[in-house]
């Protein structure tokens, strides 16, 4: 685990390398967050990431949402997910669904997220447990 002292001493390139994958294929979130150094607390760091997304243009937010892969979808089946997405989907047990070629399109999570995307909503899986309906 990195200390705030270490994080606050990072160059922009180091910060983006370390945190650029937190938001799916959107290192611009880390780049914008780096401009807010130094962070007084871990909560300040997290708040800055959220603020970077909240203050982004609608187009940037939409691109971020659409960058998120389907749960147990074709990227998972072809082992082409980012490290962060692989870890997230494995933690939730979704990697077990990826072996079924029909699972992504029939997965109720994907239907719900696709619907949320069309309304500009975001469904974040980090730290949440899902129960299949």
C-alpha atoms as a PDB file:
ATOM      1  CA  UNK A   1       0.000   0.000   0.000  1.00  0.00           C
ATOM      2  CA  UNK A   2       1.308   3.410  -0.938  1.00  0.00           C
ATOM      3  CA  UNK A   3       1.591   6.146   1.645  1.00  0.00           C
ATOM      4  CA  UNK A   4       0.154   9.596   1.019  1.00  0.00           C
ATOM      5  CA  UNK A   5       3.698  10.935   1.232  1.00  0.00           C
ATOM      6  CA  UNK A   6       4.705   8.677  -1.671  1.00  0.00           C
ATOM      7  CA  UNK A   7       1.575   9.543  -3.666  1.00  0.00           C
ATOM      8  CA  UNK A   8       2.018  13.265  -3.081  1.00  0.00           C
ATOM      9  CA  UNK A   9       5.627  13.055  -4.334  1.00  0.00           C
ATOM     10  CA  UNK A  10       4.690  11.354  -7.622  1.00  0.00           C
ATOM     11  CA  UNK A  11       5.277  12.999 -10.951  1.00  0.00           C
ATOM     12  CA  UNK A  12       2.308  13.194 -13.272  1.00  0.00           C
ATOM     13  CA  UNK A  13       3.611  10.211 -15.261  1.00  0.00           C
ATOM     14  CA  UNK A  14       4.081   8.117 -12.099  1.00  0.00           C
ATOM     15  CA  UNK A  15       0.623   9.058 -10.824  1.00  0.00           C
ATOM     16  CA  UNK A  16      -1.017   8.128 -14.139  1.00  0.00           C
ATOM     17  CA  UNK A  17       0.952   4.860 -14.282  1.00  0.00           C
ATOM     18  CA  UNK A  18      -0.173   3.994 -10.744  1.00  0.00           C
ATOM     19  CA  UNK A  19      -3.796   5.154 -10.874  1.00  0.00           C
ATOM     20  CA  UNK A  20      -4.594   5.395 -14.590  1.00  0.00           C
ATOM     21  CA  UNK A  21      -6.420   2.059 -14.634  1.00  0.00           C
ATOM     22  CA  UNK A  22      -8.814   2.799 -11.813  1.00  0.00           C
ATOM     23  CA  UNK A  23     -11.382   4.184 -14.230  1.00  0.00           C
ATOM     24  CA  UNK A  24     -11.771   1.825 -17.182  1.00  0.00           C
ATOM     25  CA  UNK A  25      -9.500   2.848 -20.067  1.00  0.00           C
ATOM     26  CA  UNK A  26      -9.657   6.461 -18.863  1.00  0.00           C
ATOM     27  CA  UNK A  27      -6.243   7.600 -17.599  1.00  0.00           C
ATOM     28  CA  UNK A  28      -7.439  11.203 -18.032  1.00  0.00           C
ATOM     29  CA  UNK A  29      -9.168  10.855 -14.642  1.00  0.00           C
ATOM     30  CA  UNK A  30      -5.825  10.233 -12.946  1.00  0.00           C
ATOM     31  CA  UNK A  31      -4.164  12.994 -14.989  1.00  0.00           C
ATOM     32  CA  UNK A  32      -6.733  15.553 -13.835  1.00  0.00           C
ATOM     33  CA  UNK A  33      -6.628  14.287 -10.259  1.00  0.00           C
ATOM     34  CA  UNK A  34      -2.842  14.685 -10.120  1.00  0.00           C
ATOM     35  CA  UNK A  35      -3.259  18.443 -10.539  1.00  0.00           C
ATOM     36  CA  UNK A  36      -4.891  18.543  -7.101  1.00  0.00           C
ATOM     37  CA  UNK A  37      -1.807  17.349  -5.173  1.00  0.00           C
ATOM     38  CA  UNK A  38      -1.107  17.239  -2.287  1.00  0.00           C
ATOM     39  CA  UNK A  39      -3.795  15.087  -0.712  1.00  0.00           C
ATOM     40  CA  UNK A  40      -4.248  15.445   3.035  1.00  0.00           C
ATOM     41  CA  UNK A  41      -6.094  12.148   3.538  1.00  0.00           C
ATOM     42  CA  UNK A  42      -6.992   9.030   1.555  1.00  0.00           C
ATOM     43  CA  UNK A  43     -10.562  10.369   1.457  1.00  0.00           C
ATOM     44  CA  UNK A  44      -9.273  13.527  -0.267  1.00  0.00           C
ATOM     45  CA  UNK A  45      -7.609  11.381  -2.922  1.00  0.00           C
ATOM     46  CA  UNK A  46     -10.804   9.418  -3.564  1.00  0.00           C
ATOM     47  CA  UNK A  47     -12.890  12.572  -3.584  1.00  0.00           C
ATOM     48  CA  UNK A  48     -10.572  14.100  -6.168  1.00  0.00           C
ATOM     49  CA  UNK A  49     -11.037  11.106  -8.477  1.00  0.00           C
ATOM     50  CA  UNK A  50     -14.822  11.405  -8.168  1.00  0.00           C
ATOM     51  CA  UNK A  51     -14.691  15.159  -8.720  1.00  0.00           C
ATOM     52  CA  UNK A  52     -12.587  14.686 -11.856  1.00  0.00           C
ATOM     53  CA  UNK A  53     -15.320  12.504 -13.327  1.00  0.00           C
ATOM     54  CA  UNK A  54     -18.167  14.702 -12.063  1.00  0.00           C
ATOM     55  CA  UNK A  55     -16.575  17.798 -13.617  1.00  0.00           C
ATOM     56  CA  UNK A  56     -15.828  16.098 -16.948  1.00  0.00           C
ATOM     57  CA  UNK A  57     -17.889  16.893 -19.996  1.00  0.00           C
ATOM     58  CA  UNK A  58     -20.935  14.775 -20.785  1.00  0.00           C
ATOM     59  CA  UNK A  59     -19.049  13.353 -23.762  1.00  0.00           C
ATOM     60  CA  UNK A  60     -16.109  12.326 -21.548  1.00  0.00           C
ATOM     61  CA  UNK A  61     -18.441  10.769 -18.986  1.00  0.00           C
ATOM     62  CA  UNK A  62     -20.311   8.877 -21.703  1.00  0.00           C
ATOM     63  CA  UNK A  63     -17.021   7.607 -23.174  1.00  0.00           C
ATOM     64  CA  UNK A  64     -15.962   6.453 -19.704  1.00  0.00           C
ATOM     65  CA  UNK A  65     -19.225   4.578 -19.170  1.00  0.00           C
ATOM     66  CA  UNK A  66     -19.061   2.932 -22.582  1.00  0.00           C
ATOM     67  CA  UNK A  67     -15.437   1.873 -21.988  1.00  0.00           C
ATOM     68  CA  UNK A  68     -16.548  -0.471 -19.234  1.00  0.00           C
ATOM     69  CA  UNK A  69     -16.718  -4.031 -20.576  1.00  0.00           C
ATOM     70  CA  UNK A  70     -19.781  -6.241 -20.366  1.00  0.00           C
ATOM     71  CA  UNK A  71     -19.776  -8.446 -17.309  1.00  0.00           C
ATOM     72  CA  UNK A  72     -18.524 -11.897 -18.316  1.00  0.00           C
ATOM     73  CA  UNK A  73     -18.586 -10.715 -21.949  1.00  0.00           C
ATOM     74  CA  UNK A  74     -16.461 -11.416 -24.996  1.00  0.00           C
ATOM     75  CA  UNK A  75     -13.462  -9.510 -23.614  1.00  0.00           C
ATOM     76  CA  UNK A  76     -13.501 -11.730 -20.536  1.00  0.00           C
ATOM     77  CA  UNK A  77     -13.859 -14.867 -22.660  1.00  0.00           C
ATOM     78  CA  UNK A  78     -10.863 -13.838 -24.776  1.00  0.00           C
ATOM     79  CA  UNK A  79      -8.767 -12.794 -21.734  1.00  0.00           C
ATOM     80  CA  UNK A  80      -8.614  -9.218 -23.053  1.00  0.00           C
ATOM     81  CA  UNK A  81      -9.863  -7.363 -19.951  1.00  0.00           C
ATOM     82  CA  UNK A  82      -7.679  -4.854 -18.172  1.00  0.00           C
ATOM     83  CA  UNK A  83      -5.955  -6.125 -15.041  1.00  0.00           C
ATOM     84  CA  UNK A  84      -8.387  -4.122 -12.908  1.00  0.00           C
ATOM     85  CA  UNK A  85     -11.481  -5.496 -14.678  1.00  0.00           C
ATOM     86  CA  UNK A  86     -10.166  -9.052 -14.488  1.00  0.00           C
ATOM     87  CA  UNK A  87      -9.607  -8.682 -10.748  1.00  0.00           C
ATOM     88  CA  UNK A  88     -13.021  -7.057 -10.239  1.00  0.00           C
ATOM     89  CA  UNK A  89     -14.947  -9.637 -12.252  1.00  0.00           C
ATOM     90  CA  UNK A  90     -13.058 -12.529 -10.628  1.00  0.00           C
ATOM     91  CA  UNK A  91     -13.751 -11.179  -7.144  1.00  0.00           C
ATOM     92  CA  UNK A  92     -17.453 -11.147  -7.979  1.00  0.00           C
ATOM     93  CA  UNK A  93     -17.325 -14.665  -9.455  1.00  0.00           C
ATOM     94  CA  UNK A  94     -18.199 -13.381 -12.920  1.00  0.00           C
ATOM     95  CA  UNK A  95     -15.159 -15.103 -14.410  1.00  0.00           C
ATOM     96  CA  UNK A  96     -17.079 -18.349 -13.989  1.00  0.00           C
ATOM     97  CA  UNK A  97     -19.834 -17.014 -16.243  1.00  0.00           C
ATOM     98  CA  UNK A  98     -17.345 -16.125 -18.975  1.00  0.00           C
ATOM     99  CA  UNK A  99     -17.012 -19.759 -20.015  1.00  0.00           C
ATOM    100  CA  UNK A 100     -20.609 -19.842 -21.250  1.00  0.00           C
ATOM    101  CA  UNK A 101     -20.720 -18.213 -24.691  1.00  0.00           C
ATOM    102  CA  UNK A 102     -24.317 -17.110 -24.140  1.00  0.00           C
ATOM    103  CA  UNK A 103     -23.790 -15.741 -20.656  1.00  0.00           C
ATOM    104  CA  UNK A 104     -22.863 -12.153 -21.550  1.00  0.00           C
ATOM    105  CA  UNK A 105     -25.953 -11.427 -23.621  1.00  0.00           C
ATOM    106  CA  UNK A 106     -28.265 -13.242 -21.202  1.00  0.00           C
ATOM    107  CA  UNK A 107     -26.630 -11.865 -18.076  1.00  0.00           C
ATOM    108  CA  UNK A 108     -29.166  -9.690 -16.223  1.00  0.00           C
ATOM    109  CA  UNK A 109     -26.353  -7.442 -14.981  1.00  0.00           C
ATOM    110  CA  UNK A 110     -25.420  -6.529 -18.560  1.00  0.00           C
ATOM    111  CA  UNK A 111     -29.031  -5.821 -19.461  1.00  0.00           C
ATOM    112  CA  UNK A 112     -29.359  -3.555 -16.420  1.00  0.00           C
ATOM    113  CA  UNK A 113     -26.051  -1.783 -17.040  1.00  0.00           C
ATOM    114  CA  UNK A 114     -26.813  -1.328 -20.731  1.00  0.00           C
ATOM    115  CA  UNK A 115     -30.105   0.274 -19.741  1.00  0.00           C
ATOM    116  CA  UNK A 116     -28.343   2.476 -17.187  1.00  0.00           C
ATOM    117  CA  UNK A 117     -25.779   3.505 -19.815  1.00  0.00           C
ATOM    118  CA  UNK A 118     -28.541   4.699 -22.091  1.00  0.00           C
ATOM    119  CA  UNK A 119     -29.722   7.017 -19.308  1.00  0.00           C
ATOM    120  CA  UNK A 120     -26.219   8.133 -18.381  1.00  0.00           C
ATOM    121  CA  UNK A 121     -26.127   6.074 -15.181  1.00  0.00           C
ATOM    122  CA  UNK A 122     -23.171   4.164 -13.857  1.00  0.00           C
ATOM    123  CA  UNK A 123     -23.245   0.863 -12.036  1.00  0.00           C
ATOM    124  CA  UNK A 124     -20.018   0.449 -10.143  1.00  0.00           C
ATOM    125  CA  UNK A 125     -19.265  -3.053  -8.925  1.00  0.00           C
ATOM    126  CA  UNK A 126     -16.346  -2.259  -6.648  1.00  0.00           C
ATOM    127  CA  UNK A 127     -17.078  -3.365  -3.125  1.00  0.00           C
ATOM    128  CA  UNK A 128     -20.629  -4.486  -3.895  1.00  0.00           C
ATOM    129  CA  UNK A 129     -22.043  -7.968  -3.966  1.00  0.00           C
ATOM    130  CA  UNK A 130     -24.696  -8.929  -6.460  1.00  0.00           C
ATOM    131  CA  UNK A 131     -27.367 -11.562  -6.187  1.00  0.00           C
ATOM    132  CA  UNK A 132     -28.745 -12.840  -9.433  1.00  0.00           C
ATOM    133  CA  UNK A 133     -32.460 -12.113  -9.792  1.00  0.00           C
END
